[in-house]
Amino acid sequence: MFRLRIRKPRIDNLKAFRFAMKVLWPYDGVMPTPEVNEQQTTFDVALDELTGDNGYAELVRVATGNGLKEWLFYATDPEVFGENFNRLLSSHPQYPVTVEFEEDPEWQEWSSFVLSVADKTAL
């Protein structure tokens, strides 16, 4: 199951969003239990401010299944992303997540997923 932005955001400085930031939450089973799903929804809502008109991050995909929920953001600076991520979650319990990032100026992580979805829906 996934939510996917199928077009790049219309941002003047889109080239500055060169870092793919993956937030990973592993869980047991194919899909999360209702309790874990509720925690993930609370977590997801807490991260709303990481995306949009803030100038440093855009959420482009959320995928859930096969023991992993993954949020994919593109950010201008991993450090700024991390500072704001921690700030937004400072009043929350510690969640079982890790954050990984890689430089991806061409948005290959996102575009390959969009293309795979387009291929499957064309059938």
N, C-alpha and C. Protein backbone atom coordinates (compact mmCIF):
# COMPACT_ATOMS: atom_id res chain seq x y z
N MET A 1 0.85 -1.15 0.00
CA MET A 1 0.00 0.00 0.00
C MET A 1 0.91 1.23 0.00
N PHE A 2 0.53 2.26 -0.77
CA PHE A 2 1.38 3.44 -0.80
C PHE A 2 0.59 4.69 -1.14
N ARG A 3 1.16 5.82 -0.74
CA ARG A 3 0.74 7.15 -1.20
C ARG A 3 1.91 7.65 -2.01
N LEU A 4 1.62 8.24 -3.15
CA LEU A 4 2.69 8.61 -4.06
C LEU A 4 2.40 9.92 -4.74
N ARG A 5 3.35 10.78 -4.73
CA ARG A 5 3.28 12.01 -5.52
C ARG A 5 3.74 11.63 -6.92
N ILE A 6 2.88 11.79 -7.92
CA ILE A 6 3.22 11.32 -9.27
C ILE A 6 3.91 12.38 -10.12
N ARG A 7 3.94 13.61 -9.65
CA ARG A 7 4.67 14.68 -10.34
C ARG A 7 5.56 15.39 -9.34
N LYS A 8 6.69 15.86 -9.82
CA LYS A 8 7.57 16.64 -8.95
C LYS A 8 6.85 17.92 -8.52
N PRO A 9 7.13 18.37 -7.31
CA PRO A 9 6.50 19.61 -6.86
C PRO A 9 6.97 20.81 -7.69
N ARG A 10 6.12 21.77 -7.81
CA ARG A 10 6.48 23.00 -8.54
C ARG A 10 7.12 23.97 -7.56
N ILE A 11 8.43 23.88 -7.48
CA ILE A 11 9.22 24.70 -6.57
C ILE A 11 10.30 25.39 -7.40
N ASP A 12 10.48 26.67 -7.18
CA ASP A 12 11.49 27.42 -7.95
C ASP A 12 12.88 26.83 -7.82
N ASN A 13 13.24 26.40 -6.63
CA ASN A 13 14.60 25.89 -6.38
C ASN A 13 14.62 24.37 -6.25
N LEU A 14 13.87 23.68 -7.09
CA LEU A 14 13.75 22.22 -7.00
C LEU A 14 15.11 21.53 -7.05
N LYS A 15 16.06 22.05 -7.80
CA LYS A 15 17.39 21.43 -7.89
C LYS A 15 18.10 21.39 -6.53
N ALA A 16 17.71 22.25 -5.62
CA ALA A 16 18.32 22.25 -4.29
C ALA A 16 17.87 21.05 -3.46
N PHE A 17 16.77 20.42 -3.82
CA PHE A 17 16.23 19.26 -3.10
C PHE A 17 16.92 18.00 -3.62
N ARG A 18 18.17 17.84 -3.25
CA ARG A 18 19.03 16.82 -3.84
C ARG A 18 19.29 15.61 -2.94
N PHE A 19 18.71 15.60 -1.77
CA PHE A 19 18.94 14.49 -0.84
C PHE A 19 17.66 13.68 -0.63
N ALA A 20 17.73 12.38 -0.91
CA ALA A 20 16.63 11.46 -0.63
C ALA A 20 16.74 11.06 0.83
N MET A 21 15.73 11.40 1.60
CA MET A 21 15.69 11.10 3.03
C MET A 21 14.66 10.00 3.25
N LYS A 22 15.11 8.84 3.70
CA LYS A 22 14.21 7.72 3.95
C LYS A 22 14.04 7.55 5.46
N VAL A 23 12.79 7.58 5.89
CA VAL A 23 12.46 7.31 7.28
C VAL A 23 11.85 5.91 7.28
N LEU A 24 12.47 4.99 8.01
CA LEU A 24 12.11 3.57 7.98
C LEU A 24 11.58 3.11 9.33
N TRP A 25 10.43 2.45 9.30
CA TRP A 25 9.81 1.90 10.51
C TRP A 25 9.53 0.42 10.25
N PRO A 26 10.37 -0.49 10.74
CA PRO A 26 10.10 -1.92 10.58
C PRO A 26 9.04 -2.38 11.58
N TYR A 27 8.29 -3.39 11.20
CA TYR A 27 7.29 -3.99 12.08
C TYR A 27 7.16 -5.46 11.70
N ASP A 28 6.52 -6.23 12.56
CA ASP A 28 6.32 -7.66 12.29
C ASP A 28 5.10 -7.86 11.40
N GLY A 29 5.19 -8.81 10.49
CA GLY A 29 4.06 -9.16 9.64
C GLY A 29 4.07 -8.44 8.31
N VAL A 30 3.08 -8.79 7.50
CA VAL A 30 2.95 -8.18 6.18
C VAL A 30 2.48 -6.74 6.31
N MET A 31 1.48 -6.52 7.16
CA MET A 31 0.96 -5.18 7.41
C MET A 31 1.04 -4.91 8.92
N PRO A 32 1.10 -3.64 9.31
CA PRO A 32 1.17 -3.34 10.75
C PRO A 32 -0.12 -3.73 11.47
N THR A 33 0.03 -4.08 12.73
CA THR A 33 -1.14 -4.36 13.56
C THR A 33 -1.93 -3.06 13.74
N PRO A 34 -3.17 -3.12 14.16
CA PRO A 34 -3.92 -1.88 14.40
C PRO A 34 -3.22 -0.94 15.37
N GLU A 35 -2.59 -1.49 16.41
CA GLU A 35 -1.87 -0.65 17.39
C GLU A 35 -0.68 0.05 16.74
N VAL A 36 0.11 -0.68 15.98
CA VAL A 36 1.26 -0.09 15.30
C VAL A 36 0.79 0.92 14.25
N ASN A 37 -0.28 0.58 13.53
CA ASN A 37 -0.82 1.50 12.54
C ASN A 37 -1.24 2.82 13.18
N GLU A 38 -1.85 2.76 14.35
CA GLU A 38 -2.25 3.97 15.07
C GLU A 38 -1.02 4.80 15.44
N GLN A 39 0.03 4.15 15.92
CA GLN A 39 1.27 4.88 16.24
C GLN A 39 1.87 5.51 14.99
N GLN A 40 1.86 4.77 13.88
CA GLN A 40 2.41 5.29 12.63
C GLN A 40 1.60 6.48 12.12
N THR A 41 0.30 6.45 12.31
CA THR A 41 -0.54 7.58 11.90
C THR A 41 -0.23 8.81 12.74
N THR A 42 -0.06 8.64 14.04
CA THR A 42 0.32 9.75 14.91
C THR A 42 1.67 10.32 14.48
N PHE A 43 2.61 9.44 14.20
CA PHE A 43 3.95 9.83 13.72
C PHE A 43 3.83 10.60 12.41
N ASP A 44 3.06 10.07 11.48
CA ASP A 44 2.86 10.69 10.17
C ASP A 44 2.31 12.11 10.30
N VAL A 45 1.30 12.29 11.13
CA VAL A 45 0.70 13.61 11.34
C VAL A 45 1.73 14.57 11.96
N ALA A 46 2.54 14.06 12.87
CA ALA A 46 3.56 14.90 13.51
C ALA A 46 4.57 15.43 12.50
N LEU A 47 4.76 14.71 11.40
CA LEU A 47 5.74 15.12 10.39
C LEU A 47 5.17 16.03 9.31
N ASP A 48 3.89 16.38 9.42
CA ASP A 48 3.26 17.23 8.39
C ASP A 48 4.06 18.49 8.08
N GLU A 49 4.63 19.10 9.10
CA GLU A 49 5.37 20.35 8.89
C GLU A 49 6.70 20.16 8.17
N LEU A 50 7.15 18.92 7.99
CA LEU A 50 8.41 18.69 7.28
C LEU A 50 8.27 18.94 5.79
N THR A 51 7.07 19.04 5.31
CA THR A 51 6.85 19.17 3.87
C THR A 51 5.97 20.37 3.58
N GLY A 52 6.00 20.80 2.36
CA GLY A 52 5.19 21.94 1.96
C GLY A 52 6.01 23.18 1.72
N ASP A 53 5.52 24.30 2.19
CA ASP A 53 6.16 25.59 1.90
C ASP A 53 7.31 25.94 2.83
N ASN A 54 7.92 24.98 3.46
CA ASN A 54 9.00 25.26 4.39
C ASN A 54 10.33 25.56 3.72
N GLY A 55 10.48 25.14 2.47
CA GLY A 55 11.70 25.42 1.73
C GLY A 55 12.83 24.43 1.91
N TYR A 56 12.63 23.36 2.70
CA TYR A 56 13.74 22.42 2.90
C TYR A 56 13.38 20.95 2.71
N ALA A 57 12.11 20.59 2.57
CA ALA A 57 11.76 19.18 2.40
C ALA A 57 10.40 19.02 1.72
N GLU A 58 10.28 17.92 0.98
CA GLU A 58 9.04 17.54 0.31
C GLU A 58 8.83 16.04 0.48
N LEU A 59 7.65 15.65 0.93
CA LEU A 59 7.29 14.24 1.03
C LEU A 59 6.79 13.79 -0.33
N VAL A 60 7.36 12.69 -0.84
CA VAL A 60 6.97 12.22 -2.17
C VAL A 60 6.41 10.81 -2.19
N ARG A 61 6.63 10.04 -1.12
CA ARG A 61 6.10 8.68 -1.10
C ARG A 61 6.02 8.17 0.34
N VAL A 62 4.95 7.42 0.60
CA VAL A 62 4.83 6.66 1.84
C VAL A 62 4.40 5.26 1.41
N ALA A 63 5.19 4.26 1.75
CA ALA A 63 4.89 2.88 1.36
C ALA A 63 4.82 2.01 2.61
N THR A 64 3.83 1.13 2.63
CA THR A 64 3.63 0.23 3.76
C THR A 64 3.44 -1.19 3.24
N GLY A 65 4.18 -2.13 3.80
CA GLY A 65 3.98 -3.53 3.45
C GLY A 65 5.22 -4.36 3.66
N ASN A 66 5.00 -5.65 3.84
CA ASN A 66 6.10 -6.60 4.01
C ASN A 66 7.04 -6.22 5.15
N GLY A 67 6.47 -5.78 6.26
CA GLY A 67 7.26 -5.53 7.46
C GLY A 67 7.97 -4.19 7.52
N LEU A 68 7.62 -3.25 6.63
CA LEU A 68 8.31 -1.96 6.64
C LEU A 68 7.39 -0.85 6.16
N LYS A 69 7.40 0.24 6.91
CA LYS A 69 6.75 1.48 6.44
C LYS A 69 7.87 2.46 6.17
N GLU A 70 7.81 3.10 5.01
CA GLU A 70 8.88 4.01 4.59
C GLU A 70 8.29 5.32 4.09
N TRP A 71 8.82 6.40 4.63
CA TRP A 71 8.49 7.74 4.15
C TRP A 71 9.70 8.21 3.35
N LEU A 72 9.47 8.71 2.14
CA LEU A 72 10.55 9.23 1.31
C LEU A 72 10.34 10.72 1.12
N PHE A 73 11.30 11.48 1.60
CA PHE A 73 11.32 12.93 1.45
C PHE A 73 12.49 13.30 0.55
N TYR A 74 12.40 14.43 -0.10
CA TYR A 74 13.57 15.04 -0.72
C TYR A 74 13.83 16.33 0.03
N ALA A 75 15.10 16.55 0.37
CA ALA A 75 15.46 17.68 1.22
C ALA A 75 16.66 18.43 0.65
N THR A 76 16.76 19.67 1.07
CA THR A 76 17.89 20.51 0.63
C THR A 76 19.13 20.25 1.47
N ASP A 77 18.95 19.82 2.71
CA ASP A 77 20.08 19.65 3.63
C ASP A 77 19.70 18.60 4.68
N PRO A 78 20.43 17.49 4.73
CA PRO A 78 20.11 16.45 5.72
C PRO A 78 20.15 16.94 7.16
N GLU A 79 21.05 17.86 7.47
CA GLU A 79 21.15 18.36 8.84
C GLU A 79 19.91 19.18 9.22
N VAL A 80 19.48 20.05 8.33
CA VAL A 80 18.27 20.85 8.58
C VAL A 80 17.06 19.94 8.70
N PHE A 81 16.98 18.94 7.82
CA PHE A 81 15.90 17.97 7.89
C PHE A 81 15.90 17.29 9.26
N GLY A 82 17.06 16.80 9.68
CA GLY A 82 17.17 16.10 10.96
C GLY A 82 16.81 16.97 12.15
N GLU A 83 17.26 18.22 12.14
CA GLU A 83 16.93 19.14 13.24
C GLU A 83 15.43 19.34 13.34
N ASN A 84 14.77 19.54 12.21
CA ASN A 84 13.32 19.76 12.22
C ASN A 84 12.56 18.47 12.52
N PHE A 85 13.04 17.36 12.04
CA PHE A 85 12.47 16.05 12.35
C PHE A 85 12.47 15.85 13.87
N ASN A 86 13.62 16.07 14.49
CA ASN A 86 13.73 15.90 15.94
C ASN A 86 12.87 16.91 16.70
N ARG A 87 12.80 18.14 16.22
CA ARG A 87 11.99 19.17 16.87
C ARG A 87 10.51 18.78 16.85
N LEU A 88 10.03 18.31 15.70
CA LEU A 88 8.62 17.96 15.58
C LEU A 88 8.24 16.74 16.43
N LEU A 89 9.21 15.89 16.72
CA LEU A 89 8.94 14.68 17.50
C LEU A 89 9.38 14.78 18.95
N SER A 90 9.86 15.94 19.36
CA SER A 90 10.44 16.08 20.70
C SER A 90 9.45 15.77 21.83
N SER A 91 8.17 15.99 21.63
CA SER A 91 7.19 15.70 22.68
C SER A 91 6.56 14.31 22.53
N HIS A 92 7.02 13.53 21.58
CA HIS A 92 6.47 12.20 21.32
C HIS A 92 7.33 11.13 21.99
N PRO A 93 6.75 9.95 22.17
CA PRO A 93 7.59 8.84 22.65
C PRO A 93 8.59 8.48 21.54
N GLN A 94 9.62 7.78 21.90
CA GLN A 94 10.60 7.36 20.90
C GLN A 94 9.97 6.30 20.00
N TYR A 95 10.04 6.53 18.70
CA TYR A 95 9.50 5.59 17.73
C TYR A 95 10.63 4.71 17.20
N PRO A 96 10.31 3.49 16.76
CA PRO A 96 11.35 2.57 16.27
C PRO A 96 11.72 2.87 14.81
N VAL A 97 12.20 4.07 14.55
CA VAL A 97 12.52 4.47 13.18
C VAL A 97 14.01 4.75 13.04
N THR A 98 14.46 4.62 11.81
CA THR A 98 15.80 5.06 11.45
C THR A 98 15.65 5.99 10.26
N VAL A 99 16.62 6.87 10.09
CA VAL A 99 16.63 7.80 8.96
C VAL A 99 17.90 7.55 8.18
N GLU A 100 17.73 7.33 6.89
CA GLU A 100 18.86 7.15 5.98
C GLU A 100 18.77 8.24 4.92
N PHE A 101 19.92 8.62 4.38
CA PHE A 101 19.86 9.58 3.29
C PHE A 101 20.97 9.29 2.29
N GLU A 102 20.71 9.75 1.07
CA GLU A 102 21.71 9.65 0.03
C GLU A 102 21.52 10.82 -0.92
N GLU A 103 22.59 11.22 -1.53
CA GLU A 103 22.48 12.28 -2.52
C GLU A 103 21.83 11.70 -3.77
N ASP A 104 20.78 12.34 -4.22
CA ASP A 104 20.00 11.85 -5.36
C ASP A 104 19.46 13.07 -6.13
N PRO A 105 20.35 13.85 -6.74
CA PRO A 105 19.93 15.10 -7.39
C PRO A 105 18.97 14.89 -8.57
N GLU A 106 18.95 13.71 -9.14
CA GLU A 106 18.05 13.44 -10.27
C GLU A 106 16.74 12.78 -9.83
N TRP A 107 16.58 12.59 -8.53
CA TRP A 107 15.37 11.99 -7.96
C TRP A 107 15.14 10.58 -8.49
N GLN A 108 16.18 9.79 -8.63
CA GLN A 108 16.08 8.44 -9.16
C GLN A 108 15.27 7.51 -8.26
N GLU A 109 15.44 7.65 -6.95
CA GLU A 109 14.69 6.81 -6.00
C GLU A 109 13.19 6.97 -6.23
N TRP A 110 12.75 8.20 -6.35
CA TRP A 110 11.34 8.49 -6.56
C TRP A 110 10.89 8.11 -7.97
N SER A 111 11.64 8.54 -8.99
CA SER A 111 11.18 8.35 -10.37
C SER A 111 11.13 6.87 -10.76
N SER A 112 12.03 6.05 -10.25
CA SER A 112 11.97 4.63 -10.59
C SER A 112 10.71 3.99 -10.01
N PHE A 113 10.28 4.43 -8.83
CA PHE A 113 9.05 3.92 -8.24
C PHE A 113 7.84 4.38 -9.05
N VAL A 114 7.82 5.65 -9.44
CA VAL A 114 6.72 6.17 -10.26
C VAL A 114 6.62 5.39 -11.56
N LEU A 115 7.75 5.14 -12.20
CA LEU A 115 7.74 4.38 -13.46
C LEU A 115 7.25 2.95 -13.26
N SER A 116 7.64 2.32 -12.16
CA SER A 116 7.19 0.95 -11.92
C SER A 116 5.69 0.91 -11.69
N VAL A 117 5.15 1.90 -11.01
CA VAL A 117 3.71 1.97 -10.81
C VAL A 117 3.00 2.22 -12.13
N ALA A 118 3.54 3.12 -12.95
CA ALA A 118 2.94 3.42 -14.25
C ALA A 118 2.93 2.18 -15.13
N ASP A 119 4.00 1.40 -15.10
CA ASP A 119 4.07 0.16 -15.89
C ASP A 119 2.99 -0.83 -15.45
N LYS A 120 2.77 -0.94 -14.15
CA LYS A 120 1.79 -1.90 -13.64
C LYS A 120 0.35 -1.44 -13.91
N THR A 121 0.11 -0.15 -13.90
CA THR A 121 -1.25 0.33 -14.14
C THR A 121 -1.58 0.35 -15.63
N ALA A 122 -0.57 0.24 -16.49
CA ALA A 122 -0.79 0.24 -17.93
C ALA A 122 -1.29 -1.12 -18.42
N LEU A 123 -1.22 -2.13 -17.58
CA LEU A 123 -1.64 -3.48 -17.99
C LEU A 123 -3.12 -3.59 -18.23
